[in-house]
Amino acid sequence: MVAKKFTACIVGVGRIGFSLQKDKKREQPASHSLALFKNKFVKIVAGCDIDENKLKNWKKIYKNANTYTNIHKMLEKESPDIVVIAVNEKNHLSIALEVIKNKPKLVILEKPVAPNPEQARLILRYSKKYKVPVSINHERRFSLDYLIVKNIIEKKQIGEIQSVFASFSSSATVYKVGSENIGDCSLIHDGTHLIDIINFLFNIKCANPKIDNMILNSKKDVESLNFHFKEKILDNNQKTMFYFEIAGNKKYFGFDIEIRGNKGKILIGNGYLKVYERKESPFYTGFYSLMRNKTIKRPKKTKYFSNMIENCINFLCKKEKLSSTIKSGIKTLNIIYRIIDKIKKIPHNSY
């Protein structure tokens, strides 16, 4: 049993920090504030943001918490067990170092760890120096639908995994020069979710990604990117092919993964989970076909945010390890930058 409530401060009460909890279409909780508030072992004691209007709106909901527009003043007055950092990634480094030096029991840092691996490694260095663990909010690691998929893969329910197709679709620029400093491109800001969940499911290395196609806009920024790599995963006998598309030229928002084994396949993405398994064919005599296993369904509540907070609390109570660590976050960031390095080596006038 938890003897007391853990105190928590939230730095950044914008979208992921607060306002997404007002989105009636999203599964709730969808913000750090609400996920912390709904955990019975957490007490929110303070919120911090440089935007006074955001703070006022936040204070209307969390009336008993203190508010600050200056993180230094907050850390002088408060001694929280948990500090959530939910600001733009370009500010992760300065705020994370300041928070870690104050030695809370745990830091929850929004993804990606930082705009680039160098800054991320500095945060890790401070984490080790001050003995402050850092959890990264790569939320799909905690989502029940993806945990179902991980279990199916590990049980070899669809056989040996032969190929994986993963795509992220939006209207945002995929990559532009200078994004390394502030993270303002979908490859870094959103691609981190796609790369990280594939890493979570398969423990990939992606040592040598190959660019298949790259579409540039009129500014010579990358608006669509296709790449692949091949490597041995799990205890497979042969290497598995991984194909990725990160597109910024779509008129919709999509997150889609197809996992193909030699005995079945899995389709998973925003709002859906479908599993197909090898069965005697109803269409052809003497053949087998893939038929949907309708007993495997996407949970109505995936608990992606509440499970993340629960994992953090169980970690503080020495019941669990962190499921999303700063090291796993840096591994994901390193993979993204191997892709960026390949982009930079391609003459942009060749596309």
Protein backbone atom coordinates (compact mmCIF):
# COMPACT_ATOMS: atom_id res chain seq x y z
CA MET A 1 0.00 0.00 0.00
CA VAL A 2 1.09 3.57 -0.65
CA ALA A 3 1.55 5.31 2.70
CA LYS A 4 1.03 8.86 1.46
CA LYS A 5 0.21 10.89 -1.58
CA PHE A 6 3.05 11.97 -3.83
CA THR A 7 3.11 15.70 -4.51
CA ALA A 8 3.36 16.87 -8.12
CA CYS A 9 4.12 20.10 -9.99
CA ILE A 10 3.35 20.63 -13.66
CA VAL A 11 5.59 22.86 -15.77
CA GLY A 12 3.66 23.86 -18.88
CA VAL A 13 -0.15 23.94 -18.74
CA GLY A 14 -0.79 24.17 -22.47
CA ARG A 15 -2.15 21.36 -24.67
CA ILE A 16 -0.62 18.17 -23.31
CA GLY A 17 -0.19 19.71 -19.88
CA PHE A 18 -3.82 20.74 -19.49
CA SER A 19 -6.16 21.80 -22.32
CA LEU A 20 -6.46 18.42 -24.11
CA GLN A 21 -8.58 17.26 -21.18
CA LYS A 22 -11.33 19.50 -22.61
CA ASP A 23 -11.41 17.60 -25.92
CA LYS A 24 -14.68 15.65 -25.76
CA LYS A 25 -13.66 13.30 -28.58
CA ARG A 26 -10.43 12.15 -26.97
CA GLU A 27 -10.16 9.30 -24.52
CA GLN A 28 -9.66 10.87 -21.12
CA PRO A 29 -7.49 11.58 -19.30
CA ALA A 30 -5.62 13.19 -22.19
CA SER A 31 -3.48 15.64 -20.21
CA HIS A 32 -0.85 15.38 -17.52
CA SER A 33 -2.97 17.47 -15.17
CA LEU A 34 -6.04 15.24 -15.37
CA ALA A 35 -4.05 11.99 -15.31
CA LEU A 36 -2.28 13.10 -12.13
CA PHE A 37 -5.51 14.42 -10.60
CA LYS A 38 -7.32 11.13 -11.20
CA ASN A 39 -4.61 9.06 -9.54
CA LYS A 40 -5.54 8.66 -5.88
CA PHE A 41 -1.90 8.56 -4.83
CA VAL A 42 -1.04 11.98 -6.29
CA LYS A 43 -1.68 15.50 -5.04
CA ILE A 44 -1.12 18.37 -7.49
CA VAL A 45 0.49 21.22 -5.54
CA ALA A 46 1.55 23.66 -8.27
CA GLY A 47 1.38 24.62 -11.92
CA CYS A 48 3.87 26.78 -13.80
CA ASP A 49 3.64 28.54 -17.15
CA ILE A 50 4.93 31.80 -18.61
CA ASP A 51 1.46 32.40 -20.09
CA GLU A 52 -0.69 33.96 -17.35
CA ASN A 53 -3.94 33.31 -19.21
CA LYS A 54 -3.19 29.59 -19.42
CA LEU A 55 -2.40 29.58 -15.71
CA LYS A 56 -5.67 31.33 -14.86
CA ASN A 57 -7.66 28.76 -16.82
CA TRP A 58 -5.74 25.94 -15.17
CA LYS A 59 -6.29 27.45 -11.70
CA LYS A 60 -10.06 27.45 -12.27
CA ILE A 61 -9.94 23.65 -12.30
CA TYR A 62 -7.13 23.01 -9.81
CA LYS A 63 -8.15 25.57 -7.23
CA ASN A 64 -6.03 24.27 -4.35
CA ALA A 65 -2.76 24.35 -6.27
CA ASN A 66 -0.31 27.24 -6.33
CA THR A 67 0.59 28.92 -9.62
CA TYR A 68 3.85 30.39 -10.86
CA THR A 69 5.03 32.16 -14.00
CA ASN A 70 8.68 31.58 -13.09
CA ILE A 71 10.10 28.09 -12.65
CA HIS A 72 12.89 29.32 -10.36
CA LYS A 73 10.36 30.75 -7.92
CA MET A 74 8.31 27.57 -8.07
CA LEU A 75 11.31 25.43 -7.21
CA GLU A 76 12.25 27.81 -4.37
CA LYS A 77 8.80 27.51 -2.80
CA GLU A 78 7.83 23.93 -3.63
CA SER A 79 9.48 20.57 -2.90
CA PRO A 80 7.50 18.18 -5.10
CA ASP A 81 8.06 14.45 -5.38
CA ILE A 82 7.16 14.53 -9.08
CA VAL A 83 7.77 17.25 -11.65
CA VAL A 84 6.10 17.03 -15.05
CA ILE A 85 7.79 18.95 -17.88
CA ALA A 86 5.20 19.55 -20.60
CA VAL A 87 6.72 22.42 -22.57
CA ASN A 88 7.91 22.75 -26.16
CA GLU A 89 10.89 20.47 -26.79
CA LYS A 90 13.15 23.43 -27.58
CA ASN A 91 12.89 24.30 -23.86
CA HIS A 92 13.33 20.77 -22.50
CA LEU A 93 17.05 21.09 -21.83
CA SER A 94 17.08 24.27 -19.75
CA ILE A 95 14.00 23.35 -17.72
CA ALA A 96 14.99 19.70 -17.21
CA LEU A 97 18.43 20.64 -15.90
CA GLU A 98 16.94 23.21 -13.52
CA VAL A 99 14.38 20.72 -12.23
CA ILE A 100 16.82 17.82 -11.88
CA LYS A 101 19.21 19.96 -9.81
CA ASN A 102 16.40 20.34 -7.27
CA LYS A 103 16.29 16.55 -6.84
CA PRO A 104 12.63 15.53 -7.06
CA LYS A 105 11.96 11.80 -6.76
CA LEU A 106 10.94 11.61 -10.42
CA VAL A 107 10.75 13.76 -13.55
CA ILE A 108 8.11 13.03 -16.19
CA LEU A 109 9.34 14.56 -19.44
CA GLU A 110 7.24 14.96 -22.58
CA LYS A 111 8.47 13.32 -25.77
CA PRO A 112 10.85 13.70 -27.50
CA VAL A 113 13.56 13.88 -24.84
CA ALA A 114 15.02 16.92 -26.63
CA PRO A 115 15.28 18.33 -30.17
CA ASN A 116 18.58 16.50 -30.70
CA PRO A 117 20.66 13.68 -29.15
CA GLU A 118 23.33 16.02 -27.76
CA GLN A 119 20.83 17.86 -25.56
CA ALA A 120 19.18 14.56 -24.61
CA ARG A 121 22.50 13.10 -23.47
CA LEU A 122 23.13 16.16 -21.29
CA ILE A 123 19.77 15.62 -19.58
CA LEU A 124 20.77 11.98 -19.03
CA ARG A 125 24.10 13.10 -17.57
CA TYR A 126 22.32 15.33 -15.05
CA SER A 127 19.85 12.55 -14.28
CA LYS A 128 22.74 10.28 -13.34
CA LYS A 129 24.68 12.98 -11.49
CA TYR A 130 21.78 13.99 -9.25
CA LYS A 131 20.26 10.49 -9.11
CA VAL A 132 16.90 11.68 -10.46
CA PRO A 133 15.07 9.15 -12.67
CA VAL A 134 13.34 10.48 -15.79
CA SER A 135 10.29 8.91 -17.45
CA ILE A 136 9.48 9.88 -21.06
CA ASN A 137 5.83 10.14 -22.09
CA HIS A 138 5.87 7.87 -25.13
CA GLU A 139 2.24 7.09 -24.41
CA ARG A 140 1.64 4.09 -26.68
CA ARG A 141 3.97 1.98 -24.52
CA PHE A 142 1.27 2.17 -21.85
CA SER A 143 -1.77 1.77 -24.09
CA LEU A 144 -3.70 -1.49 -23.64
CA ASP A 145 -4.16 -2.06 -27.39
CA TYR A 146 -0.42 -1.95 -28.03
CA LEU A 147 0.23 -4.16 -25.00
CA ILE A 148 -2.16 -6.70 -26.55
CA VAL A 149 -0.14 -6.55 -29.78
CA LYS A 150 3.14 -7.00 -27.93
CA ASN A 151 1.75 -10.10 -26.21
CA ILE A 152 0.54 -11.56 -29.55
CA ILE A 153 3.99 -11.02 -31.08
CA GLU A 154 5.84 -12.55 -28.13
CA LYS A 155 3.53 -15.60 -28.10
CA LYS A 156 4.15 -16.03 -31.86
CA GLN A 157 0.40 -16.05 -32.38
CA ILE A 158 0.87 -14.83 -35.96
CA GLY A 159 4.08 -16.80 -36.43
CA GLU A 160 7.48 -15.38 -37.29
CA ILE A 161 7.36 -11.67 -38.10
CA GLN A 162 8.47 -11.14 -41.70
CA SER A 163 7.58 -7.51 -42.45
CA VAL A 164 6.33 -4.37 -40.71
CA PHE A 165 4.74 -1.33 -42.39
CA ALA A 166 4.45 1.84 -40.30
CA SER A 167 3.16 5.25 -41.31
CA PHE A 168 2.44 8.65 -39.82
CA SER A 169 0.29 11.01 -41.89
CA SER A 170 -0.42 14.71 -41.41
CA SER A 171 -0.11 18.07 -43.14
CA ALA A 172 3.00 19.10 -41.17
CA THR A 173 6.47 19.48 -42.69
CA VAL A 174 8.44 16.26 -42.20
CA TYR A 175 11.89 17.85 -42.02
CA LYS A 176 13.52 21.21 -42.67
CA VAL A 177 17.01 22.53 -42.07
CA GLY A 178 17.32 23.92 -38.56
CA SER A 179 14.77 21.59 -36.97
CA GLU A 180 17.61 20.03 -34.99
CA ASN A 181 17.67 23.08 -32.72
CA ILE A 182 13.96 23.37 -31.94
CA GLY A 183 12.29 20.15 -33.10
CA ASP A 184 9.69 21.90 -35.27
CA CYS A 185 9.10 19.10 -37.78
CA SER A 186 6.93 16.00 -37.71
CA LEU A 187 9.85 13.58 -38.04
CA ILE A 188 11.11 14.73 -34.63
CA HIS A 189 7.91 15.88 -32.92
CA ASP A 190 5.51 13.13 -34.06
CA GLY A 191 7.78 10.59 -35.72
CA THR A 192 9.16 9.91 -32.25
CA HIS A 193 5.85 8.15 -31.43
CA LEU A 194 6.06 5.92 -34.51
CA ILE A 195 9.73 5.00 -34.10
CA ASP A 196 9.38 4.47 -30.36
CA ILE A 197 6.41 2.10 -30.51
CA ILE A 198 8.15 0.00 -33.18
CA ASN A 199 11.21 -0.07 -30.93
CA PHE A 200 9.00 -1.05 -27.97
CA LEU A 201 7.44 -3.92 -29.93
CA PHE A 202 10.59 -5.23 -31.64
CA ASN A 203 13.68 -3.69 -29.95
CA ILE A 204 15.00 -2.42 -33.28
CA LYS A 205 18.46 -1.00 -34.00
CA CYS A 206 17.86 0.66 -37.40
CA ALA A 207 21.61 0.89 -37.88
CA ASN A 208 21.46 1.61 -41.60
CA PRO A 209 18.13 3.04 -42.83
CA LYS A 210 17.81 3.48 -46.59
CA ILE A 211 15.82 6.34 -48.11
CA ASP A 212 13.43 5.09 -50.81
CA ASN A 213 11.62 8.29 -51.71
CA MET A 214 11.62 11.92 -50.62
CA ILE A 215 9.23 14.63 -51.80
CA LEU A 216 10.20 18.29 -51.37
CA ASN A 217 7.93 21.32 -51.30
CA SER A 218 8.62 24.68 -52.96
CA LYS A 219 10.83 25.70 -50.02
CA LYS A 220 12.92 22.53 -50.46
CA ASP A 221 11.65 21.21 -47.14
CA VAL A 222 10.83 17.50 -46.94
CA GLU A 223 7.08 16.99 -47.07
CA SER A 224 7.06 13.21 -47.51
CA LEU A 225 9.60 10.51 -46.69
CA ASN A 226 9.81 6.75 -47.26
CA PHE A 227 12.62 4.63 -45.85
CA HIS A 228 13.30 1.02 -44.92
CA PHE A 229 15.77 -1.21 -43.12
CA LYS A 230 16.24 -4.93 -42.52
CA GLU A 231 17.41 -6.60 -39.34
CA LYS A 232 17.04 -9.67 -37.16
CA ILE A 233 14.51 -9.30 -34.35
CA LEU A 234 13.33 -11.46 -31.46
CA ASP A 235 14.49 -15.03 -32.16
CA ASN A 236 13.50 -15.02 -35.83
CA ASN A 237 15.47 -17.26 -38.17
CA GLN A 238 15.56 -14.61 -40.90
CA LYS A 239 15.77 -10.84 -41.00
CA THR A 240 12.57 -8.78 -40.89
CA MET A 241 11.83 -5.94 -43.32
CA PHE A 242 10.67 -2.62 -41.85
CA TYR A 243 9.04 -0.03 -44.13
CA PHE A 244 8.20 3.50 -42.97
CA GLU A 245 6.30 6.42 -44.44
CA ILE A 246 6.23 9.80 -42.71
CA ALA A 247 4.04 12.07 -44.79
CA GLY A 248 3.26 15.75 -44.46
CA ASN A 249 1.28 16.02 -47.68
CA LYS A 250 -1.90 14.35 -46.45
CA LYS A 251 -5.26 15.96 -45.79
CA TYR A 252 -5.87 13.77 -42.74
CA PHE A 253 -4.17 12.69 -39.51
CA GLY A 254 -3.19 9.04 -39.39
CA PHE A 255 -1.05 6.61 -37.39
CA ASP A 256 -1.03 3.12 -38.91
CA ILE A 257 0.97 -0.08 -38.43
CA GLU A 258 0.66 -3.43 -40.23
CA ILE A 259 2.62 -6.38 -38.86
CA ARG A 260 2.84 -9.45 -41.09
CA GLY A 261 3.83 -12.88 -39.81
CA ASN A 262 3.95 -16.21 -41.65
CA LYS A 263 0.72 -17.27 -39.88
CA GLY A 264 -1.21 -14.02 -39.64
CA LYS A 265 -1.14 -10.24 -39.49
CA ILE A 266 -2.01 -7.36 -37.16
CA LEU A 267 -3.44 -3.97 -38.10
CA ILE A 268 -3.30 -1.27 -35.43
CA GLY A 269 -3.59 2.49 -35.42
CA ASN A 270 -5.60 5.40 -34.11
CA GLY A 271 -8.92 3.90 -33.03
CA TYR A 272 -8.56 0.37 -34.38
CA LEU A 273 -7.01 -3.05 -33.74
CA LYS A 274 -7.58 -6.05 -36.02
CA VAL A 275 -5.88 -9.44 -35.86
CA TYR A 276 -6.01 -11.98 -38.69
CA GLU A 277 -4.93 -15.61 -38.27
CA ARG A 278 -4.33 -18.60 -40.57
CA LYS A 279 -7.49 -20.72 -40.90
CA GLU A 280 -8.76 -23.35 -43.33
CA SER A 281 -10.01 -21.33 -46.27
CA PRO A 282 -13.75 -20.86 -46.79
CA PHE A 283 -12.93 -19.69 -50.33
CA TYR A 284 -10.55 -22.33 -51.76
CA THR A 285 -10.45 -26.11 -51.20
CA GLY A 286 -7.13 -27.30 -49.81
CA PHE A 287 -5.89 -23.80 -48.98
CA TYR A 288 -5.55 -21.63 -45.89
CA SER A 289 -6.66 -18.00 -45.70
CA LEU A 290 -6.30 -15.23 -43.14
CA MET A 291 -9.51 -14.77 -41.16
CA ARG A 292 -10.13 -12.07 -38.59
CA ASN A 293 -10.06 -13.18 -34.95
CA LYS A 294 -13.05 -11.22 -33.69
CA THR A 295 -12.40 -12.23 -30.08
CA ILE A 296 -9.46 -9.82 -30.05
CA LYS A 297 -10.84 -6.31 -29.84
CA ARG A 298 -9.46 -2.88 -29.11
CA PRO A 299 -10.38 -1.93 -25.53
CA LYS A 300 -12.86 0.94 -25.33
CA LYS A 301 -10.52 2.53 -22.78
CA THR A 302 -6.85 2.02 -23.59
CA LYS A 303 -5.73 3.91 -20.45
CA TYR A 304 -2.66 5.24 -22.25
CA PHE A 305 -2.23 8.27 -19.98
CA SER A 306 -3.49 6.86 -16.69
CA ASN A 307 -1.29 3.77 -17.12
CA MET A 308 1.75 6.00 -17.62
CA ILE A 309 1.10 7.76 -14.31
CA GLU A 310 0.35 4.44 -12.60
CA ASN A 311 3.68 3.05 -13.81
CA CYS A 312 5.45 6.11 -12.37
CA ILE A 313 3.72 5.71 -9.00
CA ASN A 314 4.48 1.99 -8.88
CA PHE A 315 8.10 2.82 -9.70
CA LEU A 316 8.27 5.25 -6.79
CA CYS A 317 6.79 2.52 -4.58
CA LYS A 318 9.48 0.11 -5.85
CA LYS A 319 6.86 -2.16 -7.45
CA GLU A 320 7.79 -1.72 -11.12
CA LYS A 321 10.53 -0.48 -13.39
CA LEU A 322 9.84 2.54 -15.58
CA SER A 323 8.38 1.37 -18.89
CA SER A 324 9.59 4.45 -20.79
CA THR A 325 13.01 5.65 -19.68
CA ILE A 326 15.27 8.45 -20.79
CA LYS A 327 17.58 5.79 -22.27
CA SER A 328 14.80 4.34 -24.42
CA GLY A 329 13.86 7.90 -25.42
CA ILE A 330 17.43 8.64 -26.47
CA LYS A 331 17.56 5.40 -28.46
CA THR A 332 14.48 6.55 -30.38
CA LEU A 333 16.02 9.99 -30.94
CA ASN A 334 19.27 8.41 -32.19
CA ILE A 335 17.30 6.40 -34.76
CA ILE A 336 15.53 9.56 -35.95
CA TYR A 337 18.89 11.29 -36.37
CA ARG A 338 20.32 8.40 -38.37
CA ILE A 339 17.42 9.03 -40.75
CA ILE A 340 18.10 12.79 -40.74
CA ASP A 341 21.77 12.12 -41.54
CA LYS A 342 20.68 10.10 -44.58
CA ILE A 343 18.35 12.93 -45.67
CA LYS A 344 21.21 15.43 -45.47
CA LYS A 345 23.44 13.28 -47.68
CA ILE A 346 20.94 13.27 -50.54
CA PRO A 347 21.28 16.23 -52.95
CA HIS A 348 17.92 17.98 -52.76
CA ASN A 349 17.98 18.70 -56.47
CA SER A 350 17.87 14.94 -57.11
CA TYR A 351 14.20 14.80 -56.11
